[in-house]
N, C-alpha and C. Protein backbone atom coordinates (compact mmCIF):
# COMPACT_ATOMS: atom_id res chain seq x y z
N UNK A 1 84.34 48.62 96.48
CA UNK A 1 85.40 49.60 95.76
C UNK A 1 84.99 50.74 95.63
N UNK A 2 83.27 50.96 94.74
CA UNK A 2 82.57 52.60 94.93
C UNK A 2 82.66 52.60 95.80
N UNK A 3 81.96 52.44 97.68
CA UNK A 3 82.84 52.73 98.31
C UNK A 3 83.37 53.50 98.63
N UNK A 4 84.96 52.47 98.57
CA UNK A 4 86.23 53.41 98.57
C UNK A 4 85.87 55.03 97.63
N UNK A 5 85.80 54.25 96.34
CA UNK A 5 85.92 55.83 95.76
C UNK A 5 85.38 56.60 96.04
N UNK A 6 84.13 56.43 96.44
CA UNK A 6 83.20 57.84 97.12
C UNK A 6 83.69 58.38 98.37
N UNK A 7 84.14 57.33 99.57
CA UNK A 7 84.76 58.08 100.32
C UNK A 7 86.12 59.10 99.97
N UNK A 8 86.86 58.70 98.94
CA UNK A 8 87.84 59.17 98.60
C UNK A 8 87.49 60.82 97.87
N UNK A 9 86.67 60.07 97.24
CA UNK A 9 85.96 61.79 96.61
C UNK A 9 85.20 62.74 97.17
N UNK A 10 84.50 62.27 98.22
CA UNK A 10 84.22 63.04 99.65
C UNK A 10 85.38 63.73 100.43
N UNK A 11 86.80 63.07 100.83
CA UNK A 11 87.39 63.39 101.48
C UNK A 11 87.99 64.82 100.92
N UNK A 12 88.21 64.41 98.88
CA UNK A 12 88.35 65.46 98.26
C UNK A 12 87.85 67.03 98.23
N UNK A 13 86.78 66.50 98.41
CA UNK A 13 85.71 67.68 98.34
C UNK A 13 85.90 68.76 98.99
N UNK A 14 85.85 67.75 100.68
CA UNK A 14 85.79 68.43 102.38
C UNK A 14 87.38 69.25 102.05
N UNK A 15 88.21 68.60 101.49
CA UNK A 15 89.55 69.39 101.24
C UNK A 15 89.38 70.98 100.71
N UNK A 16 88.84 70.68 99.20
CA UNK A 16 88.69 71.63 98.65
C UNK A 16 87.90 72.81 99.13
N UNK A 17 86.97 72.34 100.01
CA UNK A 17 86.10 73.52 100.41
C UNK A 17 86.92 73.89 102.07
N UNK A 18 87.82 73.55 102.63
CA UNK A 18 88.39 74.01 103.16
C UNK A 18 89.50 74.78 103.16
N UNK A 19 90.17 74.34 101.69
CA UNK A 19 91.31 75.46 101.13
C UNK A 19 90.82 76.88 100.67
N UNK A 20 89.27 76.26 100.05
CA UNK A 20 88.27 77.57 99.32
C UNK A 20 88.08 78.83 100.74
N UNK A 21 88.04 77.78 101.97
CA UNK A 21 87.29 78.48 102.66
C UNK A 21 88.49 79.23 103.49
N UNK A 22 89.47 78.75 104.02
CA UNK A 22 90.86 79.18 104.27
C UNK A 22 91.09 80.13 103.45
N UNK A 23 91.41 79.82 102.82
CA UNK A 23 91.66 81.13 101.52
C UNK A 23 91.07 82.18 101.25
N UNK A 24 89.74 82.13 101.72
CA UNK A 24 88.46 83.34 101.61
C UNK A 24 89.10 84.10 103.15
N UNK A 25 89.26 83.07 104.14
CA UNK A 25 89.61 83.87 105.66
C UNK A 25 90.58 84.80 105.45
N UNK A 26 92.06 84.43 104.79
CA UNK A 26 92.98 84.73 104.21
C UNK A 26 92.49 86.06 103.45
N UNK A 27 92.10 86.06 102.70
CA UNK A 27 92.01 87.32 102.02
C UNK A 27 91.04 88.44 102.43
N UNK A 28 90.49 88.36 103.34
CA UNK A 28 90.07 89.02 104.01
C UNK A 28 90.68 90.03 104.98
N UNK A 29 90.63 91.49 104.53
CA UNK A 29 91.35 92.42 104.47
C UNK A 29 90.41 93.46 105.71
N UNK A 30 91.13 93.87 106.80
CA UNK A 30 90.42 95.13 107.57
C UNK A 30 90.24 96.21 106.82
N UNK A 31 89.05 97.49 107.01
CA UNK A 31 89.51 98.27 106.63
C UNK A 31 91.06 98.83 106.85
N UNK A 32 91.38 99.24 107.94
CA UNK A 32 92.63 99.97 108.27
C UNK A 32 93.41 99.53 107.52
N UNK A 33 94.08 98.17 106.91
CA UNK A 33 94.78 97.41 106.08
C UNK A 33 94.38 97.66 104.54
N UNK A 34 92.81 97.51 103.96
CA UNK A 34 92.84 98.28 102.54
C UNK A 34 93.42 99.71 102.55
N UNK A 35 93.43 100.92 103.63
CA UNK A 35 93.37 101.96 103.67
C UNK A 35 95.16 102.46 103.61
N UNK A 36 95.91 101.40 103.94
CA UNK A 36 96.82 101.57 104.16
C UNK A 36 97.76 101.21 102.69
N UNK A 37 96.95 100.40 102.24
CA UNK A 37 97.39 100.11 100.75
C UNK A 37 97.19 100.75 99.69
N UNK A 38 96.29 101.90 99.90
CA UNK A 38 96.03 103.26 99.30
C UNK A 38 97.32 104.73 99.20
N UNK A 39 98.00 104.20 100.78
CA UNK A 39 98.75 105.21 100.72
C UNK A 39 99.87 105.23 99.87
N UNK A 40 99.50 106.41 99.48
CA UNK A 40 101.06 106.67 97.72
C UNK A 40 102.49 107.64 98.61
N UNK A 41 101.85 108.30 99.86
CA UNK A 41 102.80 109.23 99.96
C UNK A 41 102.70 109.27 101.53
N UNK A 42 103.67 108.98 102.32
CA UNK A 42 103.32 108.85 104.12
C UNK A 42 104.78 109.86 104.56
N UNK A 43 104.72 110.53 105.14
CA UNK A 43 106.10 111.13 105.98
C UNK A 43 106.07 110.69 107.36
N UNK A 44 107.39 109.92 107.24
CA UNK A 44 108.40 109.14 108.29
C UNK A 44 108.44 110.39 109.42
N UNK A 45 109.59 111.33 109.11
CA UNK A 45 110.64 111.79 109.85
C UNK A 45 109.94 113.82 109.14
N UNK A 46 110.69 114.83 109.87
CA UNK A 46 110.69 115.59 109.88
C UNK A 46 111.88 116.57 110.89
N UNK A 47 112.52 116.89 110.40
CA UNK A 47 113.80 117.33 111.17
C UNK A 47 113.95 118.85 110.59
N UNK A 48 114.38 120.17 111.33
CA UNK A 48 114.47 121.03 110.68
C UNK A 48 115.97 121.75 112.16
N UNK A 49 116.87 122.71 111.10
CA UNK A 49 117.55 123.35 111.96
C UNK A 49 117.58 124.87 111.32
N UNK A 50 118.18 125.94 112.43
CA UNK A 50 118.61 126.70 111.46
C UNK A 50 119.41 128.24 112.42
N UNK A 51 120.08 128.65 111.86
CA UNK A 51 121.21 129.65 112.05
C UNK A 51 120.85 131.11 111.95
N UNK A 52 121.42 132.22 112.29
CA UNK A 52 121.08 133.58 112.24
C UNK A 52 120.55 134.12 110.90
N UNK A 53 120.95 132.98 109.95
CA UNK A 53 120.68 133.44 108.14
C UNK A 53 120.54 132.46 107.66
N UNK A 54 120.02 131.25 107.91
CA UNK A 54 120.10 130.03 107.17
C UNK A 54 118.60 128.73 107.59
N UNK A 55 118.85 128.45 106.67
CA UNK A 55 117.80 127.24 107.63
C UNK A 55 117.61 126.09 106.86
N UNK A 56 117.34 124.74 107.57
CA UNK A 56 117.26 123.69 106.50
C UNK A 56 116.37 122.72 107.03
N UNK A 57 115.39 121.79 106.73
CA UNK A 57 114.38 120.95 106.34
C UNK A 57 114.89 119.76 105.62
N UNK A 58 114.90 118.70 106.84
CA UNK A 58 115.25 116.92 106.29
C UNK A 58 113.93 116.10 106.49
N UNK A 59 113.78 116.30 105.24
CA UNK A 59 112.45 115.37 105.39
C UNK A 59 112.11 113.89 104.70
N UNK A 60 111.79 112.78 105.44
CA UNK A 60 111.80 111.61 104.95
C UNK A 60 110.36 111.11 104.56
N UNK A 61 109.79 110.68 103.19
CA UNK A 61 108.68 110.36 102.76
C UNK A 61 109.06 108.53 102.35
N UNK A 62 107.66 107.78 102.55
CA UNK A 62 107.76 106.65 101.49
C UNK A 62 106.52 106.93 100.85
N UNK A 63 106.64 106.84 99.31
CA UNK A 63 106.29 107.18 98.55
C UNK A 63 105.96 106.83 96.69
N UNK A 64 105.31 106.87 96.29
CA UNK A 64 105.53 106.14 94.38
C UNK A 64 107.04 106.78 94.16
N UNK A 65 107.41 105.98 93.23
CA UNK A 65 108.71 106.69 92.12
C UNK A 65 108.23 107.22 91.50
N UNK A 66 107.05 106.92 91.11
CA UNK A 66 106.26 108.09 89.91
C UNK A 66 104.92 109.24 90.84
N UNK A 67 105.13 109.69 91.50
CA UNK A 67 103.73 110.39 92.16
C UNK A 67 102.42 111.04 90.92
N UNK A 68 101.47 110.26 90.91
CA UNK A 68 100.87 110.56 89.70
C UNK A 68 99.37 110.11 90.71
N UNK A 69 98.19 111.19 90.69
CA UNK A 69 96.92 110.91 90.98
C UNK A 69 96.27 110.28 90.61
N UNK A 70 96.06 109.08 90.30
CA UNK A 70 95.56 108.23 89.50
C UNK A 70 94.79 107.23 89.62
N UNK A 71 94.51 106.93 91.51
CA UNK A 71 93.63 106.57 92.07
C UNK A 71 94.39 104.72 92.35
N UNK A 72 95.80 104.64 91.75
CA UNK A 72 96.36 103.31 92.12
C UNK A 72 98.00 103.73 92.43
N UNK A 73 97.98 102.98 93.61
CA UNK A 73 99.34 103.08 94.45
C UNK A 73 100.28 101.96 93.09
N UNK A 74 101.60 103.02 93.02
CA UNK A 74 102.77 102.28 92.25
C UNK A 74 103.75 101.60 93.05
N UNK A 75 105.06 101.64 92.39
CA UNK A 75 106.06 101.08 92.98
C UNK A 75 106.26 101.82 94.45
N UNK A 76 106.58 102.02 95.18
CA UNK A 76 106.96 102.92 96.27
C UNK A 76 108.21 102.80 96.71
N UNK A 77 109.05 103.87 96.98
CA UNK A 77 110.19 104.13 97.57
C UNK A 77 110.49 104.77 98.99
N UNK A 78 111.29 104.77 99.47
CA UNK A 78 111.63 105.49 100.75
C UNK A 78 112.81 106.60 100.49
N UNK A 79 112.77 107.65 100.45
CA UNK A 79 113.79 108.84 100.78
C UNK A 79 113.74 110.16 101.23
N UNK A 80 114.82 110.28 101.66
CA UNK A 80 115.50 111.82 102.51
C UNK A 80 115.64 112.94 101.68
N UNK A 81 115.08 113.90 101.60
CA UNK A 81 115.88 115.22 101.28
C UNK A 81 115.47 116.10 102.08
N UNK A 82 116.83 116.78 101.55
CA UNK A 82 117.71 117.76 102.70
C UNK A 82 117.64 118.81 101.72
N UNK A 83 117.06 120.13 102.22
CA UNK A 83 116.76 121.56 101.74
C UNK A 83 117.62 122.39 102.67
N UNK A 84 118.53 123.30 102.29
CA UNK A 84 119.13 124.17 102.86
C UNK A 84 119.07 125.07 102.19
N UNK A 85 118.04 126.46 102.77
CA UNK A 85 118.09 128.18 102.71
C UNK A 85 119.32 128.75 103.06
N UNK A 86 120.51 129.20 101.80
CA UNK A 86 121.62 130.32 102.32
C UNK A 86 121.09 131.29 101.98
N UNK A 87 122.11 132.24 102.57
CA UNK A 87 121.78 133.61 102.23
C UNK A 87 122.13 134.16 100.69
N UNK A 88 122.60 133.10 100.01
CA UNK A 88 123.53 133.35 98.80
C UNK A 88 124.16 131.93 98.59
N UNK A 89 124.20 131.91 96.92
CA UNK A 89 125.25 130.36 96.33
C UNK A 89 126.05 131.64 95.19
N UNK A 90 127.55 131.71 96.42
CA UNK A 90 128.59 132.59 94.90
C UNK A 90 128.65 131.69 93.63
N UNK A 91 128.75 132.56 92.93
CA UNK A 91 129.46 131.34 91.89
C UNK A 91 130.46 131.14 91.92
N UNK A 92 130.42 129.49 91.41
CA UNK A 92 131.66 128.94 91.43
C UNK A 92 131.94 127.87 92.64
N UNK A 93 130.88 128.19 93.77
CA UNK A 93 131.02 127.67 94.72
C UNK A 93 130.33 126.10 94.78
N UNK A 94 131.12 125.18 95.22
CA UNK A 94 129.93 123.58 95.48
C UNK A 94 130.23 123.35 96.88
N UNK A 95 129.27 123.15 97.36
CA UNK A 95 128.68 122.59 98.66
C UNK A 95 128.37 120.86 98.94
N UNK A 96 128.95 120.96 100.11
CA UNK A 96 129.03 119.59 100.56
C UNK A 96 128.10 119.82 101.89
N UNK A 97 127.79 118.34 102.97
CA UNK A 97 127.13 118.18 103.67
C UNK A 97 127.62 117.11 104.33
N UNK A 98 127.55 117.18 105.80
CA UNK A 98 127.67 115.93 106.61
C UNK A 98 126.13 115.85 107.94
N UNK A 99 125.31 114.78 107.24
CA UNK A 99 125.09 114.76 108.35
C UNK A 99 124.94 113.60 109.69
N UNK A 100 124.56 113.70 110.69
CA UNK A 100 124.86 113.04 112.05
C UNK A 100 123.86 112.78 112.35
N UNK A 101 124.00 111.33 113.04
CA UNK A 101 122.68 110.95 113.71
C UNK A 101 123.59 110.06 114.88
N UNK A 102 122.18 109.68 115.59
CA UNK A 102 122.65 108.73 117.14
C UNK A 102 123.84 107.84 116.14
N UNK A 103 123.22 107.01 115.24
CA UNK A 103 124.11 105.99 114.90
C UNK A 103 125.22 106.12 113.68
N UNK A 104 125.70 107.19 113.29
CA UNK A 104 126.48 107.47 112.67
C UNK A 104 126.28 108.54 111.41
N UNK A 105 126.92 108.54 110.28
CA UNK A 105 127.18 110.07 109.73
C UNK A 105 126.83 109.49 108.01
N UNK A 106 126.37 110.49 107.12
CA UNK A 106 125.82 110.32 105.88
C UNK A 106 126.51 111.67 105.44
N UNK A 107 127.44 111.58 104.22
CA UNK A 107 128.00 113.36 103.52
C UNK A 107 127.92 112.99 102.23
N UNK A 108 127.76 113.64 101.35
CA UNK A 108 127.93 113.81 99.93
C UNK A 108 127.84 115.07 99.12
N UNK A 109 127.19 115.74 98.12
CA UNK A 109 126.67 116.87 97.55
C UNK A 109 125.57 117.51 97.53
N UNK A 110 125.35 118.86 97.72
CA UNK A 110 124.18 119.46 97.53
C UNK A 110 124.33 120.27 96.06
N UNK A 111 122.87 119.84 95.49
CA UNK A 111 123.18 120.55 94.20
C UNK A 111 121.75 122.01 94.28
N UNK A 112 122.91 122.78 93.57
CA UNK A 112 121.74 124.59 94.00
C UNK A 112 120.12 123.50 93.16
N UNK A 113 119.00 124.57 93.89
CA UNK A 113 117.54 124.13 93.64
C UNK A 113 117.26 125.27 92.39
N UNK A 114 116.07 125.19 91.98
CA UNK A 114 115.31 125.75 91.04
C UNK A 114 115.20 127.22 91.06
N UNK A 115 114.59 127.66 92.77
CA UNK A 115 114.31 128.61 92.87
C UNK A 115 114.85 129.52 94.11
N UNK A 116 115.12 130.33 93.97
CA UNK A 116 116.31 131.26 95.67
C UNK A 116 117.40 130.23 95.86
N UNK A 117 118.02 130.69 96.78
CA UNK A 117 118.98 130.05 97.24
C UNK A 117 119.49 129.20 98.09
N UNK A 118 118.76 128.07 97.18
CA UNK A 118 118.56 126.65 98.11
C UNK A 118 119.25 125.55 97.39
N UNK A 119 119.75 124.97 98.43
CA UNK A 119 120.74 123.44 98.13
C UNK A 119 119.90 122.22 98.26
N UNK A 120 120.24 121.39 97.40
CA UNK A 120 119.42 119.74 97.71
C UNK A 120 120.04 119.38 97.22
N UNK A 121 119.72 117.90 98.49
CA UNK A 121 120.61 116.46 97.92
C UNK A 121 119.46 115.62 98.86
N UNK A 122 119.37 113.96 97.96
CA UNK A 122 118.76 113.47 98.29
C UNK A 122 119.45 112.38 98.58
N UNK A 123 118.93 111.43 99.32
CA UNK A 123 119.67 110.79 100.56
C UNK A 123 118.82 109.08 100.26
N UNK A 124 118.93 107.97 100.15
CA UNK A 124 118.12 106.88 99.73
C UNK A 124 117.30 106.14 101.05
N UNK A 125 118.50 105.91 102.30
CA UNK A 125 118.36 106.19 103.42
C UNK A 125 119.02 106.02 104.16
N UNK A 126 118.26 106.59 105.38
CA UNK A 126 119.00 107.51 106.52
C UNK A 126 118.39 106.53 107.69
N UNK A 127 117.67 105.42 107.65
CA UNK A 127 117.55 104.27 109.12
C UNK A 127 118.54 104.31 109.90
N UNK A 128 119.78 103.85 108.86
CA UNK A 128 120.52 103.44 110.14
C UNK A 128 121.62 104.75 110.71
N UNK A 129 121.28 106.02 110.36
CA UNK A 129 121.58 107.20 111.08
C UNK A 129 120.81 106.93 112.72
N UNK A 130 120.11 106.24 112.81
CA UNK A 130 118.90 106.93 113.78
C UNK A 130 118.54 108.42 114.24
N UNK A 131 118.41 108.83 115.52
CA UNK A 131 118.07 110.04 115.24
C UNK A 131 119.12 111.19 114.86
N UNK A 132 118.26 112.09 113.89
CA UNK A 132 119.08 112.71 113.75
C UNK A 132 119.54 113.91 114.57
N UNK A 133 120.98 114.79 114.36
CA UNK A 133 121.29 115.32 115.87
C UNK A 133 121.86 116.97 114.83
N UNK A 134 122.88 116.92 113.34
CA UNK A 134 122.86 118.05 113.26
C UNK A 134 123.62 117.96 111.71
N UNK A 135 123.61 119.06 110.97
CA UNK A 135 123.66 119.17 109.48
C UNK A 135 125.04 120.28 109.37
N UNK A 136 126.04 119.69 108.75
CA UNK A 136 127.00 120.74 108.66
C UNK A 136 126.92 120.65 106.77
N UNK A 137 127.05 122.14 106.41
CA UNK A 137 126.89 122.49 105.05
C UNK A 137 128.21 123.84 105.03
N UNK A 138 128.84 122.71 104.07
CA UNK A 138 130.42 123.67 103.53
C UNK A 138 130.43 123.82 102.04
N UNK A 139 131.03 125.50 102.14
CA UNK A 139 131.03 125.86 100.91
C UNK A 139 132.72 125.43 100.64
N UNK A 140 132.78 125.22 99.11
CA UNK A 140 133.87 125.11 98.93
C UNK A 140 135.06 126.35 98.88
N UNK A 141 134.23 127.11 98.48
CA UNK A 141 135.26 129.16 98.39
C UNK A 141 135.34 129.57 100.05
N UNK A 142 134.83 128.86 101.35
CA UNK A 142 135.22 129.24 101.88
C UNK A 142 134.81 128.18 103.34
N UNK A 143 135.73 126.84 103.27
CA UNK A 143 135.56 125.59 103.70
C UNK A 143 135.77 126.24 105.75
N UNK A 144 136.37 126.74 105.59
CA UNK A 144 136.85 127.23 107.27
C UNK A 144 135.48 127.98 107.84
N UNK A 145 134.47 128.03 107.18
CA UNK A 145 133.39 129.11 107.76
C UNK A 145 131.92 127.94 107.32
N UNK A 146 132.07 126.67 108.05
CA UNK A 146 130.81 125.85 107.46
C UNK A 146 129.78 126.76 108.10
N UNK A 147 128.47 126.02 107.69
CA UNK A 147 126.95 126.32 108.23
C UNK A 147 126.85 124.99 109.41
N UNK A 148 126.86 125.27 110.22
CA UNK A 148 126.46 124.31 111.27
C UNK A 148 124.93 124.32 112.03
N UNK A 149 123.89 123.55 111.88
CA UNK A 149 122.30 123.89 112.01
C UNK A 149 122.22 121.96 112.87
N UNK A 150 121.92 122.36 114.53
CA UNK A 150 121.45 121.93 115.05
C UNK A 150 119.73 121.55 115.04
N UNK A 151 119.79 120.36 114.91
CA UNK A 151 118.43 119.63 114.40
C UNK A 151 117.45 119.87 115.52
N UNK A 152 116.55 119.38 114.88
CA UNK A 152 115.01 119.70 116.01
C UNK A 152 113.82 118.64 115.10
N UNK A 153 113.70 117.25 116.12
CA UNK A 153 112.63 116.51 115.55
C UNK A 153 111.44 117.07 115.52
N UNK A 154 110.95 117.60 114.71
CA UNK A 154 109.43 118.37 114.61
C UNK A 154 108.15 117.38 114.71
N UNK A 155 108.58 116.04 114.42
CA UNK A 155 107.53 115.16 114.93
C UNK A 155 107.95 114.42 116.43
N UNK A 156 108.23 115.25 116.95
CA UNK A 156 108.63 114.31 118.03
C UNK A 156 107.26 114.65 119.25
N UNK A 157 106.41 113.85 119.42
CA UNK A 157 105.23 113.28 120.51
C UNK A 157 104.27 113.87 119.27
N UNK A 158 104.37 113.89 118.38
CA UNK A 158 102.76 113.49 117.09
C UNK A 158 102.49 112.08 116.99
N UNK A 159 101.39 111.69 117.09
CA UNK A 159 100.90 110.64 116.55
C UNK A 159 101.84 109.89 115.24
N UNK A 160 101.23 108.86 115.10
CA UNK A 160 101.95 108.04 113.95
C UNK A 160 101.24 107.95 112.70
N UNK A 161 101.93 108.28 111.75
CA UNK A 161 101.16 108.24 110.24
C UNK A 161 99.86 107.24 110.48
N UNK A 162 100.33 106.31 110.78
CA UNK A 162 98.79 105.06 110.86
C UNK A 162 98.25 105.92 111.72
N UNK A 163 98.42 106.52 112.95
CA UNK A 163 96.89 106.95 113.73
C UNK A 163 96.25 107.89 113.16
N UNK A 164 97.09 109.16 112.45
CA UNK A 164 96.59 109.71 111.15
C UNK A 164 95.13 109.58 110.75
N UNK A 165 96.00 108.67 110.14
CA UNK A 165 94.85 107.79 109.07
C UNK A 165 93.81 107.39 109.63
N UNK A 166 93.60 106.85 110.79
CA UNK A 166 92.59 106.14 111.28
C UNK A 166 91.80 107.20 111.76
N UNK A 167 92.34 108.11 112.68
CA UNK A 167 91.59 109.94 112.09
C UNK A 167 90.91 110.38 111.21
N UNK A 168 91.68 110.39 110.30
CA UNK A 168 91.16 111.29 109.33
C UNK A 168 90.07 109.82 108.65
N UNK A 169 90.02 108.95 108.60
CA UNK A 169 89.12 107.35 108.05
C UNK A 169 88.02 108.34 109.35
N UNK A 170 87.47 108.26 110.48
CA UNK A 170 86.68 107.97 111.26
C UNK A 170 86.01 109.53 111.17
N UNK A 171 86.75 110.61 110.74
CA UNK A 171 86.32 111.76 110.61
C UNK A 171 85.30 111.92 108.98
N UNK A 172 85.38 111.02 107.89
CA UNK A 172 85.13 110.77 106.38
C UNK A 172 84.88 109.54 106.65
N UNK A 173 84.13 108.85 107.84
CA UNK A 173 83.71 107.25 107.53
C UNK A 173 82.62 106.97 106.40
N UNK A 174 81.68 107.97 106.75
CA UNK A 174 80.29 107.92 105.83
C UNK A 174 80.89 107.66 104.26
N UNK A 175 81.51 108.78 103.65
CA UNK A 175 81.94 108.96 102.31
C UNK A 175 82.97 107.38 102.02
N UNK A 176 83.88 107.39 102.85
CA UNK A 176 84.86 106.27 102.80
C UNK A 176 84.11 104.93 102.57
N UNK A 177 83.55 104.84 103.82
CA UNK A 177 82.45 103.30 103.66
C UNK A 177 81.67 103.19 102.37
N UNK A 178 81.12 103.90 101.96
CA UNK A 178 80.16 104.05 100.95
C UNK A 178 81.22 103.75 99.58
N UNK A 179 82.07 104.63 99.72
CA UNK A 179 83.53 104.08 98.25
C UNK A 179 83.60 102.65 99.10
N UNK A 180 83.90 102.60 99.52
CA UNK A 180 84.74 101.13 99.40
C UNK A 180 83.71 100.15 99.54
N UNK A 181 82.30 99.97 99.78
CA UNK A 181 81.26 99.04 99.82
C UNK A 181 80.66 99.44 98.08
N UNK A 182 81.37 99.90 97.21
CA UNK A 182 80.41 100.45 95.48
C UNK A 182 81.62 99.27 94.64
N UNK A 183 80.73 99.36 93.92
CA UNK A 183 81.22 97.95 93.05
C UNK A 183 82.45 98.20 92.55
N UNK A 184 82.97 99.49 92.39
CA UNK A 184 84.73 99.42 92.00
C UNK A 184 85.32 99.82 92.73
N UNK A 185 85.01 100.14 94.20
CA UNK A 185 85.79 99.94 95.31
C UNK A 185 86.27 102.06 95.54
N UNK A 186 86.99 101.89 96.66
CA UNK A 186 87.45 103.41 96.43
C UNK A 186 88.55 103.43 95.53
N UNK A 187 88.54 104.61 94.44
CA UNK A 187 89.37 104.95 93.57
C UNK A 187 90.04 106.14 94.08
N UNK A 188 90.63 105.89 95.03
CA UNK A 188 91.49 107.15 95.59
C UNK A 188 92.88 106.66 96.03
N UNK A 189 93.88 107.29 96.29
CA UNK A 189 95.04 107.33 96.67
C UNK A 189 94.99 108.22 97.92
N UNK A 190 95.86 108.13 99.09
CA UNK A 190 95.98 108.60 99.94
C UNK A 190 97.10 109.15 100.34
N UNK A 191 97.38 110.51 101.24
CA UNK A 191 98.74 111.19 101.42
C UNK A 191 98.54 111.55 103.00
N UNK A 192 99.23 111.23 103.44
CA UNK A 192 99.13 111.58 104.69
C UNK A 192 100.97 112.12 105.03
N UNK A 193 101.06 114.04 105.46
CA UNK A 193 101.64 114.35 105.58
C UNK A 193 102.04 114.96 106.73
N UNK A 194 103.23 115.63 107.50
CA UNK A 194 103.27 116.51 108.29
C UNK A 194 103.83 117.67 107.42
N UNK A 195 103.11 119.23 108.33
CA UNK A 195 103.24 120.20 106.95
C UNK A 195 102.82 121.47 108.05
N UNK A 196 103.24 122.76 107.32
CA UNK A 196 102.86 124.00 108.22
C UNK A 196 102.78 124.72 107.43
N UNK A 197 103.13 126.05 107.48
CA UNK A 197 102.90 126.88 106.39
C UNK A 197 103.69 127.50 105.70
N UNK A 198 103.28 127.12 104.35
CA UNK A 198 104.37 127.57 102.93
C UNK A 198 105.08 128.56 103.25
N UNK A 199 104.48 129.61 104.01
CA UNK A 199 105.35 131.42 104.17
C UNK A 199 105.52 131.58 105.08
N UNK A 200 105.37 130.63 106.44
CA UNK A 200 105.96 130.69 107.74
C UNK A 200 106.73 129.67 108.64
N UNK A 201 107.69 129.36 107.96
CA UNK A 201 108.95 128.27 108.68
C UNK A 201 108.30 128.16 110.07
N UNK A 202 108.02 129.23 110.73
CA UNK A 202 108.03 128.78 112.39
C UNK A 202 106.28 128.51 112.52
N UNK A 203 105.46 128.40 111.94
CA UNK A 203 104.55 128.25 112.09
C UNK A 203 103.82 127.01 112.88
N UNK A 204 103.19 126.47 113.17
CA UNK A 204 102.62 124.94 113.81
C UNK A 204 102.69 124.20 112.65
N UNK A 205 102.79 122.92 112.91
CA UNK A 205 102.51 121.89 112.30
C UNK A 205 101.32 120.94 112.34
N UNK A 206 101.21 120.22 111.31
CA UNK A 206 99.70 119.71 111.52
C UNK A 206 100.22 118.34 110.63
N UNK A 207 99.16 117.45 111.37
CA UNK A 207 98.89 116.22 110.04
C UNK A 207 97.92 116.61 109.05
N UNK A 208 98.21 116.34 107.73
CA UNK A 208 97.51 116.85 106.44
C UNK A 208 97.47 115.16 105.95
N UNK A 209 95.74 114.77 105.95
CA UNK A 209 95.94 113.49 105.70
C UNK A 209 94.45 113.79 104.70
N UNK A 210 95.03 113.62 103.17
CA UNK A 210 94.04 113.83 102.04
C UNK A 210 93.91 112.36 101.23
N UNK A 211 92.48 111.98 100.79
CA UNK A 211 91.70 111.36 99.97
C UNK A 211 91.33 111.55 98.86
N UNK A 212 92.63 111.74 97.43
CA UNK A 212 92.94 112.06 96.42
C UNK A 212 92.30 111.16 95.31
N UNK A 213 91.02 111.60 94.44
CA UNK A 213 90.75 110.85 93.05
C UNK A 213 91.48 111.30 92.01
N UNK A 214 91.41 110.33 91.01
CA UNK A 214 92.15 110.75 90.36
C UNK A 214 91.25 111.98 89.23
N UNK A 215 90.37 111.97 89.14
CA UNK A 215 89.55 113.17 88.81
C UNK A 215 90.05 114.77 89.28
N UNK A 216 90.60 114.77 90.30
CA UNK A 216 90.85 115.86 91.07
C UNK A 216 90.01 116.13 92.21
N UNK A 217 89.16 115.35 92.86
CA UNK A 217 88.26 115.66 93.72
C UNK A 217 89.11 115.18 95.44
N UNK A 218 89.11 115.76 96.21
CA UNK A 218 89.40 115.35 97.22
C UNK A 218 88.84 115.48 98.49
N UNK A 219 89.51 114.90 99.34
CA UNK A 219 88.59 114.81 100.96
C UNK A 219 89.86 115.27 101.86
N UNK A 220 90.16 116.12 102.66
CA UNK A 220 90.96 116.22 103.61
C UNK A 220 90.95 116.87 104.38
N UNK A 221 91.88 116.55 105.83
CA UNK A 221 91.72 116.87 107.00
C UNK A 221 92.84 117.64 107.66
N UNK A 222 92.92 118.42 108.47
CA UNK A 222 94.16 118.84 109.26
C UNK A 222 93.95 118.26 110.35
N UNK A 223 94.72 118.04 111.34
CA UNK A 223 94.73 117.23 112.41
C UNK A 223 95.61 117.62 113.28
N UNK A 224 95.60 117.96 115.01
CA UNK A 224 96.02 118.32 115.75
C UNK A 224 97.18 116.82 115.99
N UNK A 225 98.51 117.90 115.57
CA UNK A 225 99.67 116.81 115.94
C UNK A 225 99.56 115.57 117.42
N UNK A 226 99.13 116.14 118.41
CA UNK A 226 99.01 115.75 119.26
C UNK A 226 97.98 114.62 119.56
N UNK A 227 96.70 115.58 119.11
CA UNK A 227 95.97 115.23 120.01
C UNK A 227 94.92 113.93 118.73
N UNK A 228 95.55 114.47 117.50
CA UNK A 228 94.64 113.82 116.98
C UNK A 228 93.33 114.48 116.11
N UNK A 229 93.04 115.44 116.98
CA UNK A 229 91.65 116.23 117.01
C UNK A 229 91.86 116.97 115.38
N UNK A 230 90.49 116.87 114.90
CA UNK A 230 90.10 117.58 113.48
C UNK A 230 90.55 119.23 113.50
N UNK A 231 91.27 119.53 113.05
CA UNK A 231 91.27 121.17 113.03
C UNK A 231 90.53 121.81 111.77
N UNK A 232 90.75 121.33 110.84
CA UNK A 232 89.69 121.89 109.93
C UNK A 232 89.78 120.58 108.91
N UNK A 233 88.70 120.65 107.86
CA UNK A 233 88.31 119.62 107.39
C UNK A 233 87.94 120.26 105.77
N UNK A 234 87.82 119.57 104.79
CA UNK A 234 87.11 119.88 103.63
C UNK A 234 86.89 118.73 102.14
N UNK A 235 86.00 118.92 101.30
CA UNK A 235 85.54 117.74 100.48
C UNK A 235 85.23 118.77 99.30
N UNK A 236 86.42 118.40 98.42
CA UNK A 236 86.24 119.50 96.93
C UNK A 236 85.95 118.48 95.72
N UNK A 237 85.62 118.79 94.39
CA UNK A 237 84.66 119.82 95.01
C UNK A 237 83.32 120.09 95.90
């Protein structure tokens, strides 16, 4: 009887050790996985279009619902923002849009922005539209003269956001590894965005990756969008 009890206890001990070991193996994450979980703003698409006197950008981001640089990544959402810059916004006019892609269309209303002659719309999910090809903006005051924008995929040929993150990590590897190995771990959020000059819409685009701390410190890098090579970087302060 004692031998049977001992055998059962031994089996249970071995099973418990196996469960603990298996759990430890399952919970062990790669550096890449840890960094991906720290991304609180990730650009996944960017289209632009222009006419002789108007301009539009359509950008999709996976980001925190409440974007606060507090070192923790909150609940995420994906949304697309349409920003149309027109010559003027006549009083009393209302504007609508039709966004066309290879897989379908979406339509809705555009609201005036806070600054300048800009119109803005938020779309929760454009994935079903496929590759975006055209945006039509119509003024209720002149419905027969819509603005029609042929769209350019600015991220065509660029490396993926995940690859941009890897290149940025490789550049700041010493600093990031030291923080990951610290007692508190890395207390930063990561932004991965596709950007160009704010004052020159025709300027070149780059991947911008920033490791942002809650105390206002950041490590950021601009990467060539195709090769992934570092163009410039900084550590602040």
